[in-house]
Amino acid sequence: MLKLYGFPLSNYYNKVKLALLEKGVPFEEVLVHFGKEGKEDRSPLGKVPYIETEHGFLSESQVILDYIEAQWPTPPLMPADPWQAAKVREIITYMDLHVELCARQLYPQAFFGGTLPQSFIDRVKPDLQAKLAALKQLLVLSPYAAGDRFTQADCAVHVSLPLAALASKVIYGEDLVAAAGIDWKAYMKFIGERPAAQRVEADRRADQARAMAANKARHAGA
């Protein structure tokens, strides 16, 4: 059985998990706590998620999704039409490599109690706004991220776009995703009706509670 390594607070872990659940692929979750990610022989950069297959280990969320799609093609999460498939990949690329990585620069202060230089925060804002404007041009949201059916694009957008919105709200006092004209809350509500998405969210909340309790215990013992 395929094994998925990581932790449910990770959006990229949840990207893979959502795809596996949507496809009905049997898998085992192996919890790897934050700060104790994979060894070199499993994930060369020590990042999660990574999977263990009968052939060995595989890392990087999009590489994993492509493997899953090839190994378990039904139900499909990529369109058969080459152009439509490319448009799905385009949305994923803009979501993961442009919007999410830009917003991620804010996470230390927005979510983890860190402090970032104000000059750095000021510099990130216009960059994030520009990248959200670009993503807005690609998202269809009619009703899914890339059109009229659930695809890999939804696996990426559903788990990462809310983080950009929440981080920007905390840091700038403004939801930059909504300000870009992306109705992400309605989209999240729609996707959140899917059983797979509900499972991912329930597990994420449980892991968040676990992490908060562990952090509280550490501070109490300090």
Protein backbone atom coordinates (compact mmCIF):
# COMPACT_ATOMS: atom_id res chain seq x y z
CA MET A 1 0.00 0.00 0.00
CA LEU A 2 1.17 3.51 -0.81
CA LYS A 3 2.36 5.49 2.22
CA LEU A 4 2.01 9.27 2.49
CA TYR A 5 4.52 10.96 4.79
CA GLY A 6 4.01 14.40 6.34
CA PHE A 7 1.56 16.16 8.61
CA PRO A 8 -2.00 17.46 8.07
CA LEU A 9 -1.06 21.09 8.78
CA SER A 10 0.99 21.13 5.59
CA ASN A 11 -0.94 22.45 2.62
CA TYR A 12 1.23 20.52 0.17
CA TYR A 13 0.64 17.33 2.15
CA ASN A 14 -3.08 18.04 1.92
CA LYS A 15 -2.80 18.68 -1.81
CA VAL A 16 -1.63 15.10 -2.28
CA LYS A 17 -4.01 13.69 0.31
CA LEU A 18 -7.00 15.33 -1.37
CA ALA A 19 -6.06 13.80 -4.71
CA LEU A 20 -5.67 10.33 -3.18
CA LEU A 21 -9.03 10.56 -1.44
CA GLU A 22 -10.79 11.85 -4.55
CA LYS A 23 -9.40 8.94 -6.54
CA GLY A 24 -10.15 6.37 -3.88
CA VAL A 25 -6.54 5.18 -3.77
CA PRO A 26 -5.78 3.12 -0.65
CA PHE A 27 -2.97 4.73 1.33
CA GLU A 28 -1.47 4.86 4.80
CA GLU A 29 -0.60 8.14 6.47
CA VAL A 30 2.73 8.28 8.28
CA LEU A 31 3.01 11.30 10.56
CA VAL A 32 6.28 13.19 10.23
CA HIS A 33 6.26 16.11 12.66
CA PHE A 34 7.26 19.60 11.55
CA GLY A 35 11.01 20.03 11.96
CA LYS A 36 11.63 16.30 11.56
CA GLU A 37 11.05 15.94 7.86
CA GLY A 38 12.43 13.25 5.59
CA LYS A 39 15.96 11.98 5.52
CA GLU A 40 18.03 12.32 2.37
CA ASP A 41 17.21 8.84 1.14
CA ARG A 42 13.50 9.65 1.26
CA SER A 43 13.20 13.34 0.40
CA PRO A 44 16.46 14.93 -0.82
CA LEU A 45 15.64 18.39 0.60
CA GLY A 46 14.04 16.93 3.71
CA LYS A 47 10.62 18.29 2.76
CA VAL A 48 7.15 16.82 3.07
CA PRO A 49 5.11 15.42 1.55
CA TYR A 50 6.80 12.37 0.14
CA ILE A 51 5.39 8.96 -0.64
CA GLU A 52 6.64 5.41 -0.41
CA THR A 53 5.70 3.09 -3.25
CA GLU A 54 6.67 -0.43 -4.26
CA HIS A 55 9.40 1.19 -6.36
CA GLY A 56 10.80 3.49 -3.66
CA PHE A 57 10.33 7.03 -2.41
CA LEU A 58 9.06 10.04 -4.35
CA SER A 59 8.99 13.69 -3.26
CA GLU A 60 7.51 17.03 -4.42
CA SER A 61 3.72 17.36 -4.38
CA GLN A 62 3.16 17.93 -8.09
CA VAL A 63 5.48 15.11 -9.09
CA ILE A 64 3.53 12.88 -6.72
CA LEU A 65 0.20 13.99 -8.21
CA ASP A 66 1.44 13.23 -11.71
CA TYR A 67 2.56 9.76 -10.59
CA ILE A 68 -0.80 9.12 -8.93
CA GLU A 69 -2.64 10.20 -12.08
CA ALA A 70 -0.57 7.87 -14.25
CA GLN A 71 -0.81 4.95 -11.83
CA TRP A 72 -4.53 5.34 -11.05
CA PRO A 73 -6.08 7.10 -14.05
CA THR A 74 -9.68 6.59 -12.93
CA PRO A 75 -11.39 8.78 -11.94
CA PRO A 76 -9.31 11.30 -13.87
CA LEU A 77 -8.14 14.50 -12.22
CA MET A 78 -6.60 15.77 -15.46
CA PRO A 79 -8.56 16.48 -18.65
CA ALA A 80 -7.89 14.20 -21.62
CA ASP A 81 -7.71 17.18 -23.96
CA PRO A 82 -4.07 18.40 -24.14
CA TRP A 83 -4.99 22.08 -24.07
CA GLN A 84 -7.33 21.76 -21.12
CA ALA A 85 -4.74 19.66 -19.27
CA ALA A 86 -2.15 22.35 -19.91
CA LYS A 87 -4.52 25.00 -18.52
CA VAL A 88 -4.93 22.93 -15.34
CA ARG A 89 -1.14 22.73 -15.00
CA GLU A 90 -0.91 26.47 -15.60
CA ILE A 91 -3.23 27.20 -12.68
CA ILE A 92 -1.28 24.82 -10.45
CA THR A 93 2.00 26.48 -11.38
CA TYR A 94 0.71 29.97 -10.65
CA MET A 95 -0.86 28.80 -7.39
CA ASP A 96 2.13 26.86 -6.08
CA LEU A 97 5.17 28.64 -7.47
CA HIS A 98 3.96 32.23 -7.61
CA VAL A 99 1.12 32.97 -5.18
CA GLU A 100 1.80 30.44 -2.44
CA LEU A 101 5.58 30.87 -2.31
CA CYS A 102 5.14 34.63 -2.21
CA ALA A 103 2.53 34.49 0.55
CA ARG A 104 4.66 31.94 2.43
CA GLN A 105 7.13 34.70 3.20
CA LEU A 106 4.49 36.13 5.56
CA TYR A 107 3.74 32.89 7.40
CA PRO A 108 6.42 33.20 10.11
CA GLN A 109 4.73 36.32 11.50
CA ALA A 110 1.16 35.57 10.44
CA PHE A 111 0.94 32.05 11.85
CA PHE A 112 3.98 31.18 13.95
CA GLY A 113 4.58 34.13 16.26
CA GLY A 114 7.68 35.40 14.48
CA THR A 115 8.57 38.98 13.61
CA LEU A 116 9.51 40.17 10.14
CA PRO A 117 11.18 43.50 9.27
CA GLN A 118 8.63 46.07 8.21
CA SER A 119 10.65 46.83 5.09
CA PHE A 120 10.37 43.16 4.12
CA ILE A 121 6.62 43.11 4.76
CA ASP A 122 6.18 46.25 2.67
CA ARG A 123 8.16 44.72 -0.18
CA VAL A 124 6.12 41.50 -0.26
CA LYS A 125 2.75 43.24 -0.59
CA PRO A 126 2.93 44.58 -4.17
CA ASP A 127 4.55 41.34 -5.31
CA LEU A 128 1.74 39.28 -3.81
CA GLN A 129 -0.87 41.63 -5.28
CA ALA A 130 0.66 41.26 -8.76
CA LYS A 131 0.75 37.48 -8.52
CA LEU A 132 -2.83 37.28 -7.28
CA ALA A 133 -3.91 39.47 -10.18
CA ALA A 134 -2.20 37.03 -12.53
CA LEU A 135 -3.86 34.02 -10.89
CA LYS A 136 -7.22 35.79 -11.14
CA GLN A 137 -6.84 35.84 -14.93
CA LEU A 138 -6.44 32.05 -14.99
CA LEU A 139 -8.97 30.84 -12.43
CA VAL A 140 -12.32 29.86 -13.91
CA LEU A 141 -14.27 29.05 -10.72
CA SER A 142 -17.22 27.87 -12.78
CA PRO A 143 -17.67 26.18 -10.45
CA TYR A 144 -14.25 24.47 -10.14
CA ALA A 145 -10.83 26.07 -10.37
CA ALA A 146 -10.33 25.14 -14.03
CA GLY A 147 -13.92 24.78 -15.22
CA ASP A 148 -16.84 22.41 -14.84
CA ARG A 149 -15.11 19.46 -13.17
CA PHE A 150 -12.83 18.73 -10.23
CA THR A 151 -9.17 18.53 -11.27
CA GLN A 152 -5.68 18.65 -9.83
CA ALA A 153 -6.04 22.44 -9.95
CA ASP A 154 -8.61 22.19 -7.17
CA CYS A 155 -6.24 20.06 -5.10
CA ALA A 156 -3.73 22.92 -5.23
CA VAL A 157 -6.05 25.92 -4.96
CA HIS A 158 -8.28 24.55 -2.21
CA VAL A 159 -5.41 23.95 0.23
CA SER A 160 -3.26 27.01 -0.49
CA LEU A 161 -5.35 29.99 -1.56
CA PRO A 162 -7.00 30.45 1.88
CA LEU A 163 -3.54 30.66 3.47
CA ALA A 164 -2.63 33.60 1.24
CA ALA A 165 -5.90 35.29 2.18
CA LEU A 166 -5.50 34.72 5.92
CA ALA A 167 -1.82 35.65 6.01
CA SER A 168 -2.43 38.90 4.15
CA LYS A 169 -5.37 39.72 6.44
CA VAL A 170 -3.22 39.22 9.53
CA ILE A 171 -0.21 41.15 8.21
CA TYR A 172 -1.84 43.93 6.19
CA GLY A 173 -5.30 44.10 7.72
CA GLU A 174 -6.71 43.34 4.28
CA ASP A 175 -7.59 40.12 2.48
CA LEU A 176 -5.52 40.58 -0.66
CA VAL A 177 -7.10 37.54 -2.33
CA ALA A 178 -10.59 39.02 -2.05
CA ALA A 179 -9.20 42.43 -3.01
CA ALA A 180 -7.91 40.84 -6.23
CA GLY A 181 -11.49 39.92 -7.09
CA ILE A 182 -11.20 36.21 -6.28
CA ASP A 183 -14.29 34.96 -4.44
CA TRP A 184 -12.33 32.34 -2.53
CA LYS A 185 -14.81 31.95 0.32
CA ALA A 186 -17.64 30.85 -1.98
CA TYR A 187 -15.23 28.52 -3.76
CA MET A 188 -14.05 27.01 -0.46
CA LYS A 189 -17.64 26.47 0.64
CA PHE A 190 -18.44 24.72 -2.63
CA ILE A 191 -15.39 22.42 -2.58
CA GLY A 192 -15.88 21.90 1.15
CA GLU A 193 -19.08 20.00 0.43
CA ARG A 194 -17.03 17.14 -1.02
CA PRO A 195 -16.40 14.25 1.40
CA ALA A 196 -12.69 14.17 0.56
CA ALA A 197 -12.30 17.87 1.32
CA GLN A 198 -14.22 17.44 4.57
CA ARG A 199 -11.87 14.64 5.62
CA VAL A 200 -8.80 16.75 4.83
CA GLU A 201 -10.16 19.74 6.76
CA ALA A 202 -11.16 17.65 9.79
CA ASP A 203 -7.71 16.11 9.96
CA ARG A 204 -6.08 19.51 9.52
CA ARG A 205 -8.05 20.95 12.42
CA ALA A 206 -7.19 17.97 14.61
CA ASP A 207 -3.50 18.36 13.81
CA GLN A 208 -3.71 22.09 14.51
CA ALA A 209 -5.20 21.35 17.93
CA ARG A 210 -2.47 18.79 18.58
CA ALA A 211 0.26 21.24 17.60
CA MET A 212 -1.21 24.00 19.78
CA ALA A 213 -1.44 21.66 22.76
CA ALA A 214 2.15 20.51 22.26
CA ASN A 215 3.35 24.10 22.02
CA LYS A 216 1.45 25.03 25.17
CA ALA A 217 2.99 22.09 27.01
CA ARG A 218 6.48 23.10 25.91
CA HIS A 219 6.00 26.64 27.19
CA ALA A 220 4.52 25.40 30.45
CA GLY A 221 7.58 23.27 31.05
CA ALA A 222 10.05 26.01 30.18
